[in-house]
Amino acid sequence: MKAFRLALAFSLGMFIVVITTPPSLAMDFAFKKVTFPGGSDDVKPRLVLSGEITTGDTARLRHFIADNRIRMVYSPQVVLDSPGGSISEAMKMADLFNEMLFYVFVPPPGNCVSACFLLYVSAPFHAAWAGRVGIHRPYIATSVERDLSLSEAQRQQNAGLEKTKTWLQSHNVPQDLIDKMVSLPSTSAYWLNDEDLRRIGSRAPWFEEWVLAKCPGFLEVESAFLNDPYDQEKRNAFQSAAACEAGAVSSEHTSRLVTLIKSVEGESSAATH
């Protein structure tokens, strides 16, 4: 229910998203028209990341963003639909999500599972429907582990597990969810419910405080609207508050986009010499 209210809120404020994506063996980047269930059909294309997270995807995404700079200026939003993949690559991509101030959504019928969870929690703003985000312990790819000795498999598995746990703790994931993740084998998954998503929150703490500094009283206005989204006065107040947040984010996102473009162009220029 909260996810629906968030959908309504962002359809009135900044964002409206949802999509069906075909299965893919590698992460795909594309702009597609998407909408939340129950939202307006009049929507603009949003950046959709679908498929498996593989080595090199972060570099590819940086170039994709630079190549689609005009669209990215007006849309710092990402829709995720991924079964997971490389944990180390997900951590790299998570840094990019944070850097670009992405607003991330996981709406039905898409899913965000395993390593994709890192992308979800890394974004300054994130929202999902219950039953769409799945977690289980990180693991060594079967094709690699079958050739390892038992002691080496133990060493690598434990090292990867500790690194992932520390990373999730640094991103304020509740400890009981981390423990739940560790308890589940790679062949299973725990799907986050509304209460899990509520405890994770919609905004990273640092980002929430930044928004509050830019838009005093924002959380109270947002909470009042989400609890009674059909009250016209509360709706009007939220639209004003959402416009404040959107303006602050847009300015910062554009500045960071320019920095990324210069970096990518510099790398490309260096590669040709």
C-alpha atoms as a PDB file:
ATOM      1  CA  MET A   1       0.000   0.000   0.000  1.00  0.00           C
ATOM      2  CA  LYS A   2       2.823   2.383   0.852  1.00  0.00           C
ATOM      3  CA  ALA A   3       4.390   1.690  -2.537  1.00  0.00           C
ATOM      4  CA  PHE A   4       1.145   2.754  -4.217  1.00  0.00           C
ATOM      5  CA  ARG A   5       1.088   5.960  -2.187  1.00  0.00           C
ATOM      6  CA  LEU A   6       4.708   6.628  -3.175  1.00  0.00           C
ATOM      7  CA  ALA A   7       3.736   6.029  -6.780  1.00  0.00           C
ATOM      8  CA  LEU A   8       0.918   8.532  -6.496  1.00  0.00           C
ATOM      9  CA  ALA A   9       3.201  10.978  -4.734  1.00  0.00           C
ATOM     10  CA  PHE A  10       5.839  10.904  -7.436  1.00  0.00           C
ATOM     11  CA  SER A  11       3.283  11.022 -10.227  1.00  0.00           C
ATOM     12  CA  LEU A  12       2.224  14.319  -8.706  1.00  0.00           C
ATOM     13  CA  GLY A  13       5.768  15.425  -7.957  1.00  0.00           C
ATOM     14  CA  MET A  14       8.713  14.210 -10.003  1.00  0.00           C
ATOM     15  CA  PHE A  15       8.565  10.601 -11.109  1.00  0.00           C
ATOM     16  CA  ILE A  16       6.260   7.917 -12.539  1.00  0.00           C
ATOM     17  CA  VAL A  17       7.759   4.508 -13.383  1.00  0.00           C
ATOM     18  CA  VAL A  18       7.060   0.724 -14.060  1.00  0.00           C
ATOM     19  CA  ILE A  19       8.026  -1.770 -16.737  1.00  0.00           C
ATOM     20  CA  THR A  20       8.087  -5.311 -17.999  1.00  0.00           C
ATOM     21  CA  THR A  21      11.494  -6.397 -19.259  1.00  0.00           C
ATOM     22  CA  PRO A  22      12.505  -9.584 -21.065  1.00  0.00           C
ATOM     23  CA  PRO A  23      15.121 -11.845 -19.507  1.00  0.00           C
ATOM     24  CA  SER A  24      18.714 -10.992 -20.402  1.00  0.00           C
ATOM     25  CA  LEU A  25      22.117 -12.593 -19.907  1.00  0.00           C
ATOM     26  CA  ALA A  26      23.911  -9.248 -19.520  1.00  0.00           C
ATOM     27  CA  MET A  27      22.883  -5.897 -18.151  1.00  0.00           C
ATOM     28  CA  ASP A  28      21.067  -3.788 -20.704  1.00  0.00           C
ATOM     29  CA  PHE A  29      20.688  -0.006 -20.587  1.00  0.00           C
ATOM     30  CA  ALA A  30      17.754   1.583 -22.399  1.00  0.00           C
ATOM     31  CA  PHE A  31      15.281   4.431 -22.166  1.00  0.00           C
ATOM     32  CA  LYS A  32      11.735   3.103 -22.119  1.00  0.00           C
ATOM     33  CA  LYS A  33       8.324   4.523 -21.373  1.00  0.00           C
ATOM     34  CA  VAL A  34       7.358   3.238 -17.964  1.00  0.00           C
ATOM     35  CA  THR A  35       4.589   3.859 -15.474  1.00  0.00           C
ATOM     36  CA  PHE A  36       3.540   2.794 -12.003  1.00  0.00           C
ATOM     37  CA  PRO A  37       0.424   0.618 -11.724  1.00  0.00           C
ATOM     38  CA  GLY A  38      -2.439   3.016 -11.288  1.00  0.00           C
ATOM     39  CA  GLY A  39      -0.344   5.955 -12.479  1.00  0.00           C
ATOM     40  CA  SER A  40      -0.747   8.196 -15.487  1.00  0.00           C
ATOM     41  CA  ASP A  41      -0.126   6.751 -18.965  1.00  0.00           C
ATOM     42  CA  ASP A  42       1.392  10.056 -20.052  1.00  0.00           C
ATOM     43  CA  VAL A  43       4.999   9.343 -19.108  1.00  0.00           C
ATOM     44  CA  LYS A  44       8.422  10.053 -20.543  1.00  0.00           C
ATOM     45  CA  PRO A  45      11.103   7.414 -21.200  1.00  0.00           C
ATOM     46  CA  ARG A  46      13.122   6.510 -18.109  1.00  0.00           C
ATOM     47  CA  LEU A  47      16.471   4.764 -17.846  1.00  0.00           C
ATOM     48  CA  VAL A  48      15.884   1.037 -17.331  1.00  0.00           C
ATOM     49  CA  LEU A  49      18.692  -1.281 -16.209  1.00  0.00           C
ATOM     50  CA  SER A  50      17.799  -4.915 -16.776  1.00  0.00           C
ATOM     51  CA  GLY A  51      19.595  -8.249 -16.820  1.00  0.00           C
ATOM     52  CA  GLU A  52      22.637  -9.668 -15.082  1.00  0.00           C
ATOM     53  CA  ILE A  53      25.308  -7.418 -13.556  1.00  0.00           C
ATOM     54  CA  THR A  54      28.595  -8.374 -15.222  1.00  0.00           C
ATOM     55  CA  THR A  55      32.206  -7.195 -15.103  1.00  0.00           C
ATOM     56  CA  GLY A  56      32.649  -3.910 -16.962  1.00  0.00           C
ATOM     57  CA  ASP A  57      29.004  -2.812 -16.715  1.00  0.00           C
ATOM     58  CA  THR A  58      29.847   0.250 -14.619  1.00  0.00           C
ATOM     59  CA  ALA A  59      32.247   1.569 -17.254  1.00  0.00           C
ATOM     60  CA  ARG A  60      29.648   0.865 -19.943  1.00  0.00           C
ATOM     61  CA  LEU A  61      26.986   2.674 -17.928  1.00  0.00           C
ATOM     62  CA  ARG A  62      29.207   5.730 -17.464  1.00  0.00           C
ATOM     63  CA  HIS A  63      29.663   5.961 -21.227  1.00  0.00           C
ATOM     64  CA  PHE A  64      25.945   5.363 -21.803  1.00  0.00           C
ATOM     65  CA  ILE A  65      25.098   8.234 -19.458  1.00  0.00           C
ATOM     66  CA  ALA A  66      27.587  10.526 -21.201  1.00  0.00           C
ATOM     67  CA  ASP A  67      26.252   9.568 -24.626  1.00  0.00           C
ATOM     68  CA  ASN A  68      22.673  10.260 -23.479  1.00  0.00           C
ATOM     69  CA  ARG A  69      23.465  13.424 -21.566  1.00  0.00           C
ATOM     70  CA  ILE A  70      20.399  15.379 -22.710  1.00  0.00           C
ATOM     71  CA  ARG A  71      17.980  12.734 -21.503  1.00  0.00           C
ATOM     72  CA  MET A  72      19.923  12.291 -18.272  1.00  0.00           C
ATOM     73  CA  VAL A  73      19.702  15.987 -17.444  1.00  0.00           C
ATOM     74  CA  TYR A  74      15.935  15.690 -17.200  1.00  0.00           C
ATOM     75  CA  SER A  75      15.737  12.185 -15.743  1.00  0.00           C
ATOM     76  CA  PRO A  76      18.021  11.198 -12.826  1.00  0.00           C
ATOM     77  CA  GLN A  77      15.826   8.123 -12.353  1.00  0.00           C
ATOM     78  CA  VAL A  78      16.567   4.438 -12.786  1.00  0.00           C
ATOM     79  CA  VAL A  79      14.238   1.451 -12.953  1.00  0.00           C
ATOM     80  CA  LEU A  80      15.879  -1.823 -11.877  1.00  0.00           C
ATOM     81  CA  ASP A  81      14.944  -5.303 -13.105  1.00  0.00           C
ATOM     82  CA  SER A  82      17.913  -7.582 -12.438  1.00  0.00           C
ATOM     83  CA  PRO A  83      18.534 -11.084 -11.097  1.00  0.00           C
ATOM     84  CA  GLY A  84      21.856  -9.926  -9.661  1.00  0.00           C
ATOM     85  CA  GLY A  85      25.313 -10.946 -10.770  1.00  0.00           C
ATOM     86  CA  SER A  86      28.796  -9.816  -9.801  1.00  0.00           C
ATOM     87  CA  ILE A  87      28.965  -8.419  -6.262  1.00  0.00           C
ATOM     88  CA  SER A  88      32.223  -6.552  -6.939  1.00  0.00           C
ATOM     89  CA  GLU A  89      30.759  -4.938 -10.056  1.00  0.00           C
ATOM     90  CA  ALA A  90      27.568  -4.085  -8.173  1.00  0.00           C
ATOM     91  CA  MET A  91      29.652  -2.227  -5.576  1.00  0.00           C
ATOM     92  CA  LYS A  92      31.322  -0.214  -8.340  1.00  0.00           C
ATOM     93  CA  MET A  93      27.979   0.578  -9.936  1.00  0.00           C
ATOM     94  CA  ALA A  94      26.540   1.467  -6.532  1.00  0.00           C
ATOM     95  CA  ASP A  95      29.183   4.175  -6.198  1.00  0.00           C
ATOM     96  CA  LEU A  96      28.030   5.566  -9.537  1.00  0.00           C
ATOM     97  CA  PHE A  97      24.387   5.532  -8.401  1.00  0.00           C
ATOM     98  CA  ASN A  98      25.405   7.508  -5.335  1.00  0.00           C
ATOM     99  CA  GLU A  99      27.584   9.881  -7.344  1.00  0.00           C
ATOM    100  CA  MET A 100      24.799  10.662  -9.834  1.00  0.00           C
ATOM    101  CA  LEU A 101      22.077  11.063  -7.173  1.00  0.00           C
ATOM    102  CA  PHE A 102      19.911   8.460  -8.886  1.00  0.00           C
ATOM    103  CA  TYR A 103      16.331   7.909  -7.801  1.00  0.00           C
ATOM    104  CA  VAL A 104      15.822   4.149  -8.039  1.00  0.00           C
ATOM    105  CA  PHE A 105      12.564   2.224  -8.405  1.00  0.00           C
ATOM    106  CA  VAL A 106      11.734  -1.481  -8.437  1.00  0.00           C
ATOM    107  CA  PRO A 107       8.104  -1.712  -9.546  1.00  0.00           C
ATOM    108  CA  PRO A 108       6.182  -4.815 -10.592  1.00  0.00           C
ATOM    109  CA  PRO A 109       6.503  -6.920 -12.589  1.00  0.00           C
ATOM    110  CA  GLY A 110      10.274  -6.421 -12.359  1.00  0.00           C
ATOM    111  CA  ASN A 111      12.541  -7.774  -9.604  1.00  0.00           C
ATOM    112  CA  CYS A 112      15.817  -6.777  -7.987  1.00  0.00           C
ATOM    113  CA  VAL A 113      17.585  -9.798  -6.516  1.00  0.00           C
ATOM    114  CA  SER A 114      20.934 -10.735  -4.990  1.00  0.00           C
ATOM    115  CA  ALA A 115      23.689  -8.263  -6.040  1.00  0.00           C
ATOM    116  CA  CYS A 116      21.003  -5.924  -7.404  1.00  0.00           C
ATOM    117  CA  PHE A 117      20.049  -5.221  -3.786  1.00  0.00           C
ATOM    118  CA  LEU A 118      23.315  -3.288  -3.452  1.00  0.00           C
ATOM    119  CA  LEU A 119      22.263  -1.002  -6.293  1.00  0.00           C
ATOM    120  CA  TYR A 120      18.904  -0.453  -4.629  1.00  0.00           C
ATOM    121  CA  VAL A 121      20.189   0.564  -1.192  1.00  0.00           C
ATOM    122  CA  SER A 122      23.056   2.648  -2.597  1.00  0.00           C
ATOM    123  CA  ALA A 123      20.774   5.152  -4.317  1.00  0.00           C
ATOM    124  CA  PRO A 124      20.032   8.379  -2.427  1.00  0.00           C
ATOM    125  CA  PHE A 125      16.333   7.684  -3.022  1.00  0.00           C
ATOM    126  CA  HIS A 126      14.882   4.209  -3.501  1.00  0.00           C
ATOM    127  CA  ALA A 127      11.362   2.794  -3.593  1.00  0.00           C
ATOM    128  CA  ALA A 128      10.017  -0.665  -4.352  1.00  0.00           C
ATOM    129  CA  TRP A 129       6.885  -2.761  -4.132  1.00  0.00           C
ATOM    130  CA  ALA A 130       6.721  -5.541  -1.543  1.00  0.00           C
ATOM    131  CA  GLY A 131       7.904  -8.876  -2.875  1.00  0.00           C
ATOM    132  CA  ARG A 132      10.079  -7.336  -5.609  1.00  0.00           C
ATOM    133  CA  VAL A 133      13.455  -7.095  -3.841  1.00  0.00           C
ATOM    134  CA  GLY A 134      15.087 -10.419  -2.952  1.00  0.00           C
ATOM    135  CA  ILE A 135      18.198 -11.185  -0.881  1.00  0.00           C
ATOM    136  CA  HIS A 136      20.420 -14.200  -0.272  1.00  0.00           C
ATOM    137  CA  ARG A 137      24.058 -14.689   0.636  1.00  0.00           C
ATOM    138  CA  PRO A 138      26.746 -13.790  -1.934  1.00  0.00           C
ATOM    139  CA  TYR A 139      28.491 -16.776  -3.441  1.00  0.00           C
ATOM    140  CA  ILE A 140      31.308 -17.795  -5.754  1.00  0.00           C
ATOM    141  CA  ALA A 141      30.177 -18.583  -9.281  1.00  0.00           C
ATOM    142  CA  THR A 142      29.744 -22.320  -9.723  1.00  0.00           C
ATOM    143  CA  SER A 143      32.017 -22.326 -12.768  1.00  0.00           C
ATOM    144  CA  VAL A 144      34.800 -20.944 -10.556  1.00  0.00           C
ATOM    145  CA  GLU A 145      34.118 -22.756  -7.296  1.00  0.00           C
ATOM    146  CA  ARG A 146      34.092 -26.240  -8.811  1.00  0.00           C
ATOM    147  CA  ASP A 147      37.811 -25.819  -9.608  1.00  0.00           C
ATOM    148  CA  LEU A 148      38.787 -24.562  -6.135  1.00  0.00           C
ATOM    149  CA  SER A 149      40.103 -26.630  -3.284  1.00  0.00           C
ATOM    150  CA  LEU A 150      37.861 -26.791  -0.224  1.00  0.00           C
ATOM    151  CA  SER A 151      40.176 -24.520   1.795  1.00  0.00           C
ATOM    152  CA  GLU A 152      40.404 -21.943  -1.007  1.00  0.00           C
ATOM    153  CA  ALA A 153      36.632 -21.998  -1.508  1.00  0.00           C
ATOM    154  CA  GLN A 154      36.210 -21.399   2.225  1.00  0.00           C
ATOM    155  CA  ARG A 155      38.670 -18.515   2.192  1.00  0.00           C
ATOM    156  CA  GLN A 156      37.110 -16.795  -0.803  1.00  0.00           C
ATOM    157  CA  GLN A 157      33.532 -17.344   0.350  1.00  0.00           C
ATOM    158  CA  ASN A 158      34.189 -15.995   3.843  1.00  0.00           C
ATOM    159  CA  ALA A 159      36.136 -13.006   2.506  1.00  0.00           C
ATOM    160  CA  GLY A 160      33.351 -12.118   0.082  1.00  0.00           C
ATOM    161  CA  LEU A 161      30.715 -12.543   2.756  1.00  0.00           C
ATOM    162  CA  GLU A 162      32.502 -10.270   5.232  1.00  0.00           C
ATOM    163  CA  LYS A 163      33.085  -7.613   2.579  1.00  0.00           C
ATOM    164  CA  THR A 164      29.409  -7.651   1.619  1.00  0.00           C
ATOM    165  CA  LYS A 165      28.213  -7.511   5.241  1.00  0.00           C
ATOM    166  CA  THR A 166      30.472  -4.535   5.975  1.00  0.00           C
ATOM    167  CA  TRP A 167      29.279  -2.755   2.834  1.00  0.00           C
ATOM    168  CA  LEU A 168      25.608  -3.257   3.719  1.00  0.00           C
ATOM    169  CA  GLN A 169      26.188  -2.036   7.279  1.00  0.00           C
ATOM    170  CA  SER A 170      27.814   1.112   5.905  1.00  0.00           C
ATOM    171  CA  HIS A 171      24.642   1.692   3.867  1.00  0.00           C
ATOM    172  CA  ASN A 172      22.389   1.428   6.934  1.00  0.00           C
ATOM    173  CA  VAL A 173      20.730  -1.880   6.075  1.00  0.00           C
ATOM    174  CA  PRO A 174      19.106  -3.262   9.251  1.00  0.00           C
ATOM    175  CA  GLN A 175      21.294  -5.940  10.842  1.00  0.00           C
ATOM    176  CA  ASP A 176      18.493  -8.509  10.991  1.00  0.00           C
ATOM    177  CA  LEU A 177      18.095  -8.281   7.206  1.00  0.00           C
ATOM    178  CA  ILE A 178      21.840  -8.770   6.775  1.00  0.00           C
ATOM    179  CA  ASP A 179      21.609 -11.825   9.053  1.00  0.00           C
ATOM    180  CA  LYS A 180      18.656 -13.105   7.031  1.00  0.00           C
ATOM    181  CA  MET A 181      20.670 -12.671   3.830  1.00  0.00           C
ATOM    182  CA  VAL A 182      23.612 -14.626   5.256  1.00  0.00           C
ATOM    183  CA  SER A 183      21.328 -17.470   6.349  1.00  0.00           C
ATOM    184  CA  LEU A 184      19.955 -18.141   2.869  1.00  0.00           C
ATOM    185  CA  PRO A 185      21.761 -20.185   0.198  1.00  0.00           C
ATOM    186  CA  SER A 186      22.172 -18.915  -3.332  1.00  0.00           C
ATOM    187  CA  THR A 187      19.348 -21.199  -4.464  1.00  0.00           C
ATOM    188  CA  SER A 188      16.833 -19.417  -2.241  1.00  0.00           C
ATOM    189  CA  ALA A 189      15.776 -15.828  -1.519  1.00  0.00           C
ATOM    190  CA  TYR A 190      13.952 -13.734   1.053  1.00  0.00           C
ATOM    191  CA  TRP A 191      11.612 -11.200  -0.530  1.00  0.00           C
ATOM    192  CA  LEU A 192      11.369  -7.903   1.309  1.00  0.00           C
ATOM    193  CA  ASN A 193       7.907  -7.003   2.573  1.00  0.00           C
ATOM    194  CA  ASP A 194       6.420  -3.567   3.228  1.00  0.00           C
ATOM    195  CA  GLU A 195       7.817  -3.450   6.765  1.00  0.00           C
ATOM    196  CA  ASP A 196      11.324  -4.374   5.571  1.00  0.00           C
ATOM    197  CA  LEU A 197      11.197  -1.648   2.933  1.00  0.00           C
ATOM    198  CA  ARG A 198       9.890   0.854   5.473  1.00  0.00           C
ATOM    199  CA  ARG A 199      12.803   0.132   7.826  1.00  0.00           C
ATOM    200  CA  ILE A 200      15.328   0.482   5.024  1.00  0.00           C
ATOM    201  CA  GLY A 201      13.662   3.781   4.217  1.00  0.00           C
ATOM    202  CA  SER A 202      13.213   5.689   0.987  1.00  0.00           C
ATOM    203  CA  ARG A 203      16.168   8.052   1.391  1.00  0.00           C
ATOM    204  CA  ALA A 204      19.719   7.530   2.554  1.00  0.00           C
ATOM    205  CA  PRO A 205      20.152   9.351   5.916  1.00  0.00           C
ATOM    206  CA  TRP A 206      22.749  11.763   4.535  1.00  0.00           C
ATOM    207  CA  PHE A 207      20.500  12.580   1.578  1.00  0.00           C
ATOM    208  CA  GLU A 208      17.427  13.023   3.744  1.00  0.00           C
ATOM    209  CA  GLU A 209      19.251  15.562   5.927  1.00  0.00           C
ATOM    210  CA  TRP A 210      20.436  17.417   2.819  1.00  0.00           C
ATOM    211  CA  VAL A 211      16.867  17.604   1.479  1.00  0.00           C
ATOM    212  CA  LEU A 212      15.636  18.838   4.868  1.00  0.00           C
ATOM    213  CA  ALA A 213      18.261  21.592   4.845  1.00  0.00           C
ATOM    214  CA  LYS A 214      17.159  22.648   1.361  1.00  0.00           C
ATOM    215  CA  CYS A 215      13.427  22.181   1.967  1.00  0.00           C
ATOM    216  CA  PRO A 216      12.559  22.652   5.673  1.00  0.00           C
ATOM    217  CA  GLY A 217       9.495  20.738   6.796  1.00  0.00           C
ATOM    218  CA  PHE A 218       9.580  18.445   3.770  1.00  0.00           C
ATOM    219  CA  LEU A 219       9.195  15.172   5.670  1.00  0.00           C
ATOM    220  CA  GLU A 220       6.155  16.360   7.608  1.00  0.00           C
ATOM    221  CA  VAL A 221       4.458  17.517   4.418  1.00  0.00           C
ATOM    222  CA  GLU A 222       5.328  14.278   2.627  1.00  0.00           C
ATOM    223  CA  SER A 223       4.112  12.118   5.515  1.00  0.00           C
ATOM    224  CA  ALA A 224       0.815  14.006   5.766  1.00  0.00           C
ATOM    225  CA  PHE A 225       0.202  13.559   2.046  1.00  0.00           C
ATOM    226  CA  LEU A 226       1.125   9.866   1.971  1.00  0.00           C
ATOM    227  CA  ASN A 227      -1.277   9.206   4.842  1.00  0.00           C
ATOM    228  CA  ASP A 228      -4.099  11.046   3.067  1.00  0.00           C
ATOM    229  CA  PRO A 229      -3.187  11.343  -0.651  1.00  0.00           C
ATOM    230  CA  TYR A 230      -6.643  12.455  -1.795  1.00  0.00           C
ATOM    231  CA  ASP A 231      -6.833  15.529   0.432  1.00  0.00           C
ATOM    232  CA  GLN A 232      -6.418  18.450  -1.979  1.00  0.00           C
ATOM    233  CA  GLU A 233      -4.738  20.778   0.515  1.00  0.00           C
ATOM    234  CA  LYS A 234      -2.175  18.133   1.484  1.00  0.00           C
ATOM    235  CA  ARG A 235      -1.664  17.299  -2.168  1.00  0.00           C
ATOM    236  CA  ASN A 236      -0.952  20.925  -3.026  1.00  0.00           C
ATOM    237  CA  ALA A 237       1.480  21.220  -0.128  1.00  0.00           C
ATOM    238  CA  PHE A 238       3.276  18.071  -1.237  1.00  0.00           C
ATOM    239  CA  GLN A 239       3.534  19.259  -4.834  1.00  0.00           C
ATOM    240  CA  SER A 240       5.243  22.397  -3.588  1.00  0.00           C
ATOM    241  CA  ALA A 241       7.600  20.417  -1.345  1.00  0.00           C
ATOM    242  CA  ALA A 242       8.361  17.919  -4.123  1.00  0.00           C
ATOM    243  CA  ALA A 243       9.173  20.795  -6.472  1.00  0.00           C
ATOM    244  CA  CYS A 244      11.653  22.085  -3.891  1.00  0.00           C
ATOM    245  CA  GLU A 245      13.381  18.699  -3.665  1.00  0.00           C
ATOM    246  CA  ALA A 246      13.345  18.278  -7.447  1.00  0.00           C
ATOM    247  CA  GLY A 247      14.940  21.673  -7.954  1.00  0.00           C
ATOM    248  CA  ALA A 248      17.708  21.010  -5.446  1.00  0.00           C
ATOM    249  CA  VAL A 249      18.434  17.555  -6.851  1.00  0.00           C
ATOM    250  CA  SER A 250      18.295  18.706 -10.469  1.00  0.00           C
ATOM    251  CA  SER A 251      20.903  21.394  -9.913  1.00  0.00           C
ATOM    252  CA  GLU A 252      23.292  19.030  -8.143  1.00  0.00           C
ATOM    253  CA  HIS A 253      22.652  16.173 -10.576  1.00  0.00           C
ATOM    254  CA  THR A 254      23.406  18.402 -13.560  1.00  0.00           C
ATOM    255  CA  SER A 255      26.666  19.530 -11.999  1.00  0.00           C
ATOM    256  CA  ARG A 256      27.693  15.929 -11.364  1.00  0.00           C
ATOM    257  CA  LEU A 257      26.633  14.922 -14.866  1.00  0.00           C
ATOM    258  CA  VAL A 258      28.920  17.555 -16.365  1.00  0.00           C
ATOM    259  CA  THR A 259      31.800  16.225 -14.246  1.00  0.00           C
ATOM    260  CA  LEU A 260      31.119  12.663 -15.411  1.00  0.00           C
ATOM    261  CA  ILE A 261      30.949  13.706 -19.070  1.00  0.00           C
ATOM    262  CA  LYS A 262      34.297  15.502 -18.827  1.00  0.00           C
ATOM    263  CA  SER A 263      35.827  12.440 -17.175  1.00  0.00           C
ATOM    264  CA  VAL A 264      34.500  10.054 -19.825  1.00  0.00           C
ATOM    265  CA  GLU A 265      35.612  12.343 -22.655  1.00  0.00           C
ATOM    266  CA  GLY A 266      39.051  12.647 -21.069  1.00  0.00           C
ATOM    267  CA  GLU A 267      39.350   8.865 -20.832  1.00  0.00           C
ATOM    268  CA  SER A 268      38.291   8.482 -24.457  1.00  0.00           C
ATOM    269  CA  SER A 269      40.748  11.113 -25.607  1.00  0.00           C
ATOM    270  CA  ALA A 270      43.588   9.473 -23.678  1.00  0.00           C
ATOM    271  CA  ALA A 271      42.712   6.077 -25.167  1.00  0.00           C
ATOM    272  CA  THR A 272      43.088   7.416 -28.714  1.00  0.00           C
ATOM    273  CA  HIS A 273      46.600   8.767 -28.138  1.00  0.00           C
END
